[in-house]
Amino acid sequence: KAKRGVQEFVVVSHAIYLLETKFQVALRTTTQLLPLVARQRKAERSV
């Protein structure tokens, strides 16, 4: 029974690890895209 608990813990920690890395990538992508979006909006407003 203890072994099963360890396996579940490994699966959960791995899932959290995957979520964190995906979140970091998404965050980086968003911070890179934000200035572009802001620039486009400014360009649209000035037209």
PDB file of N, CA and C in Angstrom:
ATOM      1  N   LYS A   1       0.838  -1.214   0.000  1.00  0.00           N
ATOM      2  CA  LYS A   1       0.000   0.000   0.000  1.00  0.00           C
ATOM      3  C   LYS A   1       0.874   1.265   0.000  1.00  0.00           C
ATOM      4  N   ALA A   2       1.967   1.233   0.746  1.00  0.00           N
ATOM      5  CA  ALA A   2       2.842   2.409   0.797  1.00  0.00           C
ATOM      6  C   ALA A   2       3.422   2.700  -0.586  1.00  0.00           C
ATOM      7  N   LYS A   3       3.718   1.625  -1.335  1.00  0.00           N
ATOM      8  CA  LYS A   3       4.300   1.798  -2.661  1.00  0.00           C
ATOM      9  C   LYS A   3       3.334   2.542  -3.583  1.00  0.00           C
ATOM     10  N   ARG A   4       2.044   2.206  -3.487  1.00  0.00           N
ATOM     11  CA  ARG A   4       1.050   2.867  -4.329  1.00  0.00           C
ATOM     12  C   ARG A   4       0.980   4.359  -4.001  1.00  0.00           C
ATOM     13  N   GLY A   5       1.092   4.681  -2.723  1.00  0.00           N
ATOM     14  CA  GLY A   5       1.069   6.081  -2.313  1.00  0.00           C
ATOM     15  C   GLY A   5       2.229   6.843  -2.919  1.00  0.00           C
ATOM     16  N   VAL A   6       3.386   6.196  -2.958  1.00  0.00           N
ATOM     17  CA  VAL A   6       4.571   6.839  -3.536  1.00  0.00           C
ATOM     18  C   VAL A   6       4.363   7.066  -5.029  1.00  0.00           C
ATOM     19  N   GLN A   7       3.811   6.078  -5.715  1.00  0.00           N
ATOM     20  CA  GLN A   7       3.551   6.216  -7.153  1.00  0.00           C
ATOM     21  C   GLN A   7       2.607   7.383  -7.420  1.00  0.00           C
ATOM     22  N   GLU A   8       1.549   7.482  -6.630  1.00  0.00           N
ATOM     23  CA  GLU A   8       0.589   8.575  -6.795  1.00  0.00           C
ATOM     24  C   GLU A   8       1.268   9.920  -6.576  1.00  0.00           C
ATOM     25  N   PHE A   9       2.143   9.981  -5.567  1.00  0.00           N
ATOM     26  CA  PHE A   9       2.849  11.225  -5.275  1.00  0.00           C
ATOM     27  C   PHE A   9       3.728  11.626  -6.460  1.00  0.00           C
ATOM     28  N   VAL A  10       4.405  10.632  -7.049  1.00  0.00           N
ATOM     29  CA  VAL A  10       5.272  10.907  -8.200  1.00  0.00           C
ATOM     30  C   VAL A  10       4.447  11.441  -9.370  1.00  0.00           C
ATOM     31  N   VAL A  11       3.289  10.836  -9.607  1.00  0.00           N
ATOM     32  CA  VAL A  11       2.420  11.272 -10.704  1.00  0.00           C
ATOM     33  C   VAL A  11       1.948  12.703 -10.467  1.00  0.00           C
ATOM     34  N   VAL A  12       1.532  12.983  -9.243  1.00  0.00           N
ATOM     35  CA  VAL A  12       1.031  14.323  -8.910  1.00  0.00           C
ATOM     36  C   VAL A  12       2.143  15.362  -9.041  1.00  0.00           C
ATOM     37  N   SER A  13       3.327  15.061  -8.506  1.00  0.00           N
ATOM     38  CA  SER A  13       4.424  16.028  -8.572  1.00  0.00           C
ATOM     39  C   SER A  13       4.860  16.243 -10.023  1.00  0.00           C
ATOM     40  N   HIS A  14       4.786  15.171 -10.834  1.00  0.00           N
ATOM     41  CA  HIS A  14       5.143  15.293 -12.245  1.00  0.00           C
ATOM     42  C   HIS A  14       4.124  16.176 -12.966  1.00  0.00           C
ATOM     43  N   ALA A  15       2.847  16.008 -12.631  1.00  0.00           N
ATOM     44  CA  ALA A  15       1.789  16.811 -13.238  1.00  0.00           C
ATOM     45  C   ALA A  15       1.975  18.285 -12.876  1.00  0.00           C
ATOM     46  N   ILE A  16       2.319  18.542 -11.610  1.00  0.00           N
ATOM     47  CA  ILE A  16       2.549  19.922 -11.157  1.00  0.00           C
ATOM     48  C   ILE A  16       3.742  20.513 -11.906  1.00  0.00           C
ATOM     49  N   TYR A  17       4.793  19.690 -12.071  1.00  0.00           N
ATOM     50  CA  TYR A  17       5.995  20.136 -12.777  1.00  0.00           C
ATOM     51  C   TYR A  17       5.651  20.520 -14.216  1.00  0.00           C
ATOM     52  N   LEU A  18       4.851  19.676 -14.871  1.00  0.00           N
ATOM     53  CA  LEU A  18       4.449  19.963 -16.251  1.00  0.00           C
ATOM     54  C   LEU A  18       3.635  21.250 -16.322  1.00  0.00           C
ATOM     55  N   LEU A  19       2.700  21.412 -15.374  1.00  0.00           N
ATOM     56  CA  LEU A  19       1.865  22.616 -15.345  1.00  0.00           C
ATOM     57  C   LEU A  19       2.725  23.861 -15.161  1.00  0.00           C
ATOM     58  N   GLU A  20       3.713  23.763 -14.254  1.00  0.00           N
ATOM     59  CA  GLU A  20       4.570  24.918 -13.985  1.00  0.00           C
ATOM     60  C   GLU A  20       5.371  25.303 -15.219  1.00  0.00           C
ATOM     61  N   THR A  21       5.948  24.304 -15.901  1.00  0.00           N
ATOM     62  CA  THR A  21       6.750  24.619 -17.085  1.00  0.00           C
ATOM     63  C   THR A  21       5.866  25.196 -18.184  1.00  0.00           C
ATOM     64  N   LYS A  22       4.661  24.628 -18.357  1.00  0.00           N
ATOM     65  CA  LYS A  22       3.732  25.155 -19.368  1.00  0.00           C
ATOM     66  C   LYS A  22       3.348  26.585 -19.024  1.00  0.00           C
ATOM     67  N   PHE A  23       3.107  26.839 -17.728  1.00  0.00           N
ATOM     68  CA  PHE A  23       2.708  28.166 -17.282  1.00  0.00           C
ATOM     69  C   PHE A  23       3.825  29.176 -17.539  1.00  0.00           C
ATOM     70  N   GLN A  24       5.079  28.755 -17.246  1.00  0.00           N
ATOM     71  CA  GLN A  24       6.215  29.650 -17.453  1.00  0.00           C
ATOM     72  C   GLN A  24       6.373  29.996 -18.928  1.00  0.00           C
ATOM     73  N   VAL A  25       6.183  28.992 -19.798  1.00  0.00           N
ATOM     74  CA  VAL A  25       6.292  29.228 -21.238  1.00  0.00           C
ATOM     75  C   VAL A  25       5.188  30.179 -21.692  1.00  0.00           C
ATOM     76  N   ALA A  26       3.965  29.942 -21.204  1.00  0.00           N
ATOM     77  CA  ALA A  26       2.834  30.791 -21.568  1.00  0.00           C
ATOM     78  C   ALA A  26       3.072  32.219 -21.090  1.00  0.00           C
ATOM     79  N   LEU A  27       3.617  32.337 -19.878  1.00  0.00           N
ATOM     80  CA  LEU A  27       3.881  33.651 -19.303  1.00  0.00           C
ATOM     81  C   LEU A  27       4.919  34.392 -20.143  1.00  0.00           C
ATOM     82  N   ARG A  28       5.974  33.675 -20.538  1.00  0.00           N
ATOM     83  CA  ARG A  28       7.026  34.284 -21.337  1.00  0.00           C
ATOM     84  C   ARG A  28       6.463  34.734 -22.681  1.00  0.00           C
ATOM     85  N   THR A  29       5.639  33.888 -23.285  1.00  0.00           N
ATOM     86  CA  THR A  29       5.031  34.214 -24.577  1.00  0.00           C
ATOM     87  C   THR A  29       4.157  35.455 -24.448  1.00  0.00           C
ATOM     88  N   THR A  30       3.374  35.508 -23.367  1.00  0.00           N
ATOM     89  CA  THR A  30       2.473  36.638 -23.145  1.00  0.00           C
ATOM     90  C   THR A  30       3.258  37.928 -22.968  1.00  0.00           C
ATOM     91  N   THR A  31       4.326  37.888 -22.171  1.00  0.00           N
ATOM     92  CA  THR A  31       5.107  39.101 -21.930  1.00  0.00           C
ATOM     93  C   THR A  31       5.794  39.561 -23.207  1.00  0.00           C
ATOM     94  N   GLN A  32       6.094  38.612 -24.114  1.00  0.00           N
ATOM     95  CA  GLN A  32       6.706  39.001 -25.388  1.00  0.00           C
ATOM     96  C   GLN A  32       5.665  39.592 -26.333  1.00  0.00           C
ATOM     97  N   LEU A  33       4.431  39.062 -26.257  1.00  0.00           N
ATOM     98  CA  LEU A  33       3.382  39.505 -27.176  1.00  0.00           C
ATOM     99  C   LEU A  33       2.743  40.825 -26.754  1.00  0.00           C
ATOM    100  N   LEU A  34       2.689  41.086 -25.446  1.00  0.00           N
ATOM    101  CA  LEU A  34       2.007  42.287 -24.956  1.00  0.00           C
ATOM    102  C   LEU A  34       2.486  43.580 -25.617  1.00  0.00           C
ATOM    103  N   PRO A  35       3.788  43.828 -25.709  1.00  0.00           N
ATOM    104  CA  PRO A  35       4.235  45.071 -26.359  1.00  0.00           C
ATOM    105  C   PRO A  35       3.777  45.160 -27.814  1.00  0.00           C
ATOM    106  N   LEU A  36       3.765  44.018 -28.505  1.00  0.00           N
ATOM    107  CA  LEU A  36       3.314  44.004 -29.903  1.00  0.00           C
ATOM    108  C   LEU A  36       1.854  44.393 -29.994  1.00  0.00           C
ATOM    109  N   VAL A  37       1.028  43.810 -29.123  1.00  0.00           N
ATOM    110  CA  VAL A  37      -0.406  44.100 -29.115  1.00  0.00           C
ATOM    111  C   VAL A  37      -0.632  45.571 -28.791  1.00  0.00           C
ATOM    112  N   ALA A  38       0.104  46.088 -27.807  1.00  0.00           N
ATOM    113  CA  ALA A  38      -0.044  47.488 -27.412  1.00  0.00           C
ATOM    114  C   ALA A  38       0.326  48.401 -28.580  1.00  0.00           C
ATOM    115  N   ARG A  39       1.376  48.039 -29.307  1.00  0.00           N
ATOM    116  CA  ARG A  39       1.814  48.846 -30.434  1.00  0.00           C
ATOM    117  C   ARG A  39       0.751  48.856 -31.532  1.00  0.00           C
ATOM    118  N   GLN A  40       0.150  47.673 -31.780  1.00  0.00           N
ATOM    119  CA  GLN A  40      -0.894  47.579 -32.803  1.00  0.00           C
ATOM    120  C   GLN A  40      -2.094  48.434 -32.428  1.00  0.00           C
ATOM    121  N   ARG A  41      -2.467  48.393 -31.143  1.00  0.00           N
ATOM    122  CA  ARG A  41      -3.624  49.176 -30.689  1.00  0.00           C
ATOM    123  C   ARG A  41      -3.354  50.667 -30.854  1.00  0.00           C
ATOM    124  N   LYS A  42      -2.129  51.097 -30.536  1.00  0.00           N
ATOM    125  CA  LYS A  42      -1.776  52.506 -30.685  1.00  0.00           C
ATOM    126  C   LYS A  42      -1.845  52.901 -32.155  1.00  0.00           C
ATOM    127  N   ALA A  43      -1.354  52.022 -33.020  1.00  0.00           N
ATOM    128  CA  ALA A  43      -1.361  52.297 -34.461  1.00  0.00           C
ATOM    129  C   ALA A  43      -2.794  52.437 -34.961  1.00  0.00           C
ATOM    130  N   GLU A  44      -3.688  51.566 -34.476  1.00  0.00           N
ATOM    131  CA  GLU A  44      -5.089  51.622 -34.895  1.00  0.00           C
ATOM    132  C   GLU A  44      -5.736  52.925 -34.442  1.00  0.00           C
ATOM    133  N   ARG A  45      -5.389  53.372 -33.230  1.00  0.00           N
ATOM    134  CA  ARG A  45      -5.997  54.574 -32.685  1.00  0.00           C
ATOM    135  C   ARG A  45      -5.549  55.811 -33.460  1.00  0.00           C
ATOM    136  N   SER A  46      -4.295  55.841 -33.890  1.00  0.00           N
ATOM    137  CA  SER A  46      -3.765  57.023 -34.568  1.00  0.00           C
ATOM    138  C   SER A  46      -4.301  57.147 -35.994  1.00  0.00           C
ATOM    139  N   VAL A  47      -4.796  56.053 -36.566  1.00  0.00           N
ATOM    140  CA  VAL A  47      -5.313  56.094 -37.944  1.00  0.00           C
ATOM    141  C   VAL A  47      -6.620  56.878 -37.994  1.00  0.00           C
TER     142      VAL A  47
END
